[in-house]
């Protein structure tokens, strides 16, 4: 009997943090739930960070994932954006660490490559492919689709690594 493996995947952003919980059952990857933590423009940054941490903690308590995967920060347009994104990542990392989750980062190009087959895909292409690959009833919002793609990347990477480890043990 295959062991179930769950991952919380997060696309961090101050105003619209995408999240998803995916499950690997044998060779089948499915989405348990996904969403967007939408913080209003009038909410202070500190309030946004708190809302992100609290809502992700609720998701973790409900679904009990084993790991957390998120998009790595590779390039930002400005110093201010880098500071803000770093703060959001901190809120995500704290939520995951408080629940003992291992944390994995994936580069944006790697995520798009896994989701669409090319590293330069746009958000609409990622959303369409997530609907198709995960057999969703509707196309997810772009930020949630990005989180689904992050989770898919992680589970594909994890399952590939597990197969390699088993093969090495047999040799």
Protein backbone atom coordinates (compact mmCIF):
# COMPACT_ATOMS: atom_id res chain seq x y z
CA UNK A 1 0.00 0.00 0.00
CA UNK A 2 1.39 3.38 -1.03
CA UNK A 3 2.00 6.00 1.62
CA UNK A 4 0.15 9.30 1.30
CA UNK A 5 2.40 12.31 1.12
CA UNK A 6 1.12 15.89 1.45
CA UNK A 7 2.77 19.19 0.71
CA UNK A 8 1.71 22.76 1.42
CA UNK A 9 2.81 24.90 -1.52
CA UNK A 10 2.95 28.68 -1.29
CA UNK A 11 3.41 31.48 -3.82
CA UNK A 12 4.31 34.34 -1.45
CA UNK A 13 3.05 37.89 -2.04
CA UNK A 14 1.95 40.61 0.34
CA UNK A 15 -1.52 41.19 -1.12
CA UNK A 16 -2.31 37.87 -2.82
CA UNK A 17 -0.50 34.84 -1.40
CA UNK A 18 -1.40 31.72 -3.34
CA UNK A 19 -1.48 28.42 -1.47
CA UNK A 20 -2.32 24.81 -2.23
CA UNK A 21 -2.28 21.45 -0.51
CA UNK A 22 -1.39 18.59 -2.83
CA UNK A 23 -1.26 14.89 -2.08
CA UNK A 24 0.81 12.13 -3.64
CA UNK A 25 -0.88 8.72 -3.42
CA UNK A 26 1.37 6.19 -5.10
CA UNK A 27 1.87 7.79 -8.52
CA UNK A 28 -1.23 10.00 -8.43
CA UNK A 29 -0.94 13.67 -7.52
CA UNK A 30 -4.15 15.45 -6.55
CA UNK A 31 -5.16 18.82 -5.18
CA UNK A 32 -6.91 18.69 -1.81
CA UNK A 33 -7.58 22.42 -1.68
CA UNK A 34 -6.16 25.70 -2.92
CA UNK A 35 -6.81 29.38 -2.44
CA UNK A 36 -5.52 32.91 -2.18
CA UNK A 37 -4.93 34.91 0.98
CA UNK A 38 -6.15 38.29 -0.27
CA UNK A 39 -5.09 41.19 1.93
CA UNK A 40 -6.80 44.54 1.26
CA UNK A 41 -4.66 47.47 0.10
CA UNK A 42 -5.58 49.47 3.22
CA UNK A 43 -4.20 46.78 5.57
CA UNK A 44 -0.76 47.63 6.98
CA UNK A 45 2.14 45.38 6.02
CA UNK A 46 2.31 44.02 9.57
CA UNK A 47 -1.36 43.06 9.38
CA UNK A 48 -0.79 41.32 6.05
CA UNK A 49 2.10 39.30 7.46
CA UNK A 50 0.04 38.25 10.46
CA UNK A 51 -2.92 37.26 8.26
CA UNK A 52 -0.64 35.17 6.03
CA UNK A 53 0.91 33.34 9.00
CA UNK A 54 -2.45 32.75 10.70
CA UNK A 55 -4.27 31.53 7.60
CA UNK A 56 -1.45 29.22 6.56
CA UNK A 57 -1.35 27.83 10.11
CA UNK A 58 -5.06 27.03 9.82
CA UNK A 59 -4.45 25.22 6.53
CA UNK A 60 -1.57 23.26 8.09
CA UNK A 61 -3.72 22.23 11.08
CA UNK A 62 -6.55 21.11 8.80
CA UNK A 63 -4.57 19.16 6.20
CA UNK A 64 -1.43 18.14 8.14
CA UNK A 65 1.08 18.37 5.28
CA UNK A 66 4.50 16.80 5.69
CA UNK A 67 6.47 19.55 3.95
CA UNK A 68 6.25 23.11 2.66
CA UNK A 69 7.39 24.16 -0.81
CA UNK A 70 7.61 27.74 -2.00
CA UNK A 71 8.91 29.80 -4.84
CA UNK A 72 12.44 31.07 -4.31
CA UNK A 73 13.14 34.76 -4.75
CA UNK A 74 15.49 35.03 -7.69
CA UNK A 75 15.01 38.52 -9.10
CA UNK A 76 13.12 41.56 -7.86
CA UNK A 77 12.69 44.95 -9.46
CA UNK A 78 13.62 47.08 -6.46
CA UNK A 79 15.11 47.05 -3.00
CA UNK A 80 11.69 47.85 -1.47
CA UNK A 81 10.09 44.90 -3.29
CA UNK A 82 12.88 42.62 -2.07
CA UNK A 83 12.34 43.68 1.54
CA UNK A 84 8.57 43.20 1.29
CA UNK A 85 8.86 39.81 -0.39
CA UNK A 86 11.46 38.73 2.17
CA UNK A 87 9.05 39.68 4.97
CA UNK A 88 6.25 37.66 3.38
CA UNK A 89 8.55 34.67 2.96
CA UNK A 90 9.41 35.05 6.65
CA UNK A 91 5.72 34.83 7.62
CA UNK A 92 5.36 31.68 5.48
CA UNK A 93 8.52 30.13 6.91
CA UNK A 94 7.42 30.83 10.49
CA UNK A 95 4.03 29.20 9.89
CA UNK A 96 5.74 26.12 8.43
CA UNK A 97 8.43 25.98 11.13
CA UNK A 98 5.89 26.31 13.93
CA UNK A 99 4.34 23.07 12.68
CA UNK A 100 7.63 21.25 12.10
CA UNK A 101 7.46 21.20 8.31
CA UNK A 102 10.59 20.77 6.21
CA UNK A 103 10.90 23.67 3.76
CA UNK A 104 11.92 23.49 0.09
CA UNK A 105 12.51 26.32 -2.41
CA UNK A 106 12.09 26.10 -6.18
CA UNK A 107 13.20 28.60 -8.80
CA UNK A 108 10.43 30.20 -10.88
CA UNK A 109 11.80 28.78 -14.15
CA UNK A 110 11.96 25.28 -12.63
CA UNK A 111 8.31 25.57 -11.57
CA UNK A 112 7.15 26.76 -14.99
CA UNK A 113 9.20 24.02 -16.66
CA UNK A 114 7.48 21.36 -14.54
CA UNK A 115 4.03 22.88 -15.04
CA UNK A 116 4.05 23.87 -18.69
CA UNK A 117 7.17 22.35 -20.19
CA UNK A 118 9.01 25.63 -20.67
CA UNK A 119 10.48 28.10 -18.21
CA UNK A 120 9.01 31.22 -19.82
CA UNK A 121 5.31 30.38 -19.44
CA UNK A 122 2.82 33.07 -18.43
CA UNK A 123 0.33 32.87 -15.54
CA UNK A 124 -2.60 31.93 -17.79
CA UNK A 125 -0.67 28.99 -19.26
CA UNK A 126 0.25 27.77 -15.77
CA UNK A 127 -3.39 28.02 -14.61
CA UNK A 128 -4.65 26.15 -17.68
CA UNK A 129 -2.08 23.37 -17.23
CA UNK A 130 -2.83 23.00 -13.51
CA UNK A 131 -6.52 22.57 -14.32
CA UNK A 132 -5.66 19.93 -16.90
CA UNK A 133 -2.91 18.06 -15.05
CA UNK A 134 -4.69 17.95 -11.68
CA UNK A 135 -8.15 17.36 -13.24
CA UNK A 136 -9.69 20.40 -11.55
CA UNK A 137 -13.31 21.39 -12.25
CA UNK A 138 -12.38 25.04 -12.80
CA UNK A 139 -9.33 27.06 -13.69
CA UNK A 140 -7.74 28.26 -10.44
CA UNK A 141 -6.94 31.95 -9.83
CA UNK A 142 -3.41 32.79 -11.04
CA UNK A 143 -1.80 32.98 -7.58
CA UNK A 144 -3.38 29.68 -6.50
CA UNK A 145 -2.35 28.12 -9.83
CA UNK A 146 1.23 29.17 -9.16
CA UNK A 147 1.04 27.48 -5.75
CA UNK A 148 -0.37 24.32 -7.36
CA UNK A 149 2.55 24.38 -9.81
CA UNK A 150 5.02 24.74 -6.92
CA UNK A 151 3.47 21.74 -5.17
CA UNK A 152 3.49 19.70 -8.36
CA UNK A 153 7.15 20.56 -8.92
CA UNK A 154 7.98 19.46 -5.39
CA UNK A 155 6.06 16.19 -5.53
CA UNK A 156 7.52 15.30 -8.92
CA UNK A 157 10.99 16.09 -7.62
CA UNK A 158 10.38 14.20 -4.35
CA UNK A 159 8.98 11.12 -6.07
CA UNK A 160 11.88 11.10 -8.53
CA UNK A 161 14.34 11.35 -5.63
CA UNK A 162 12.57 8.53 -3.76
CA UNK A 163 12.80 6.23 -6.79
CA UNK A 164 16.50 7.02 -7.18
CA UNK A 165 17.14 6.30 -3.49
CA UNK A 166 15.33 2.94 -3.68
CA UNK A 167 17.31 2.00 -6.81
CA UNK A 168 20.59 2.91 -5.11
CA UNK A 169 19.67 0.78 -2.08
CA UNK A 170 19.00 -2.23 -4.33
CA UNK A 171 22.37 -1.87 -6.12
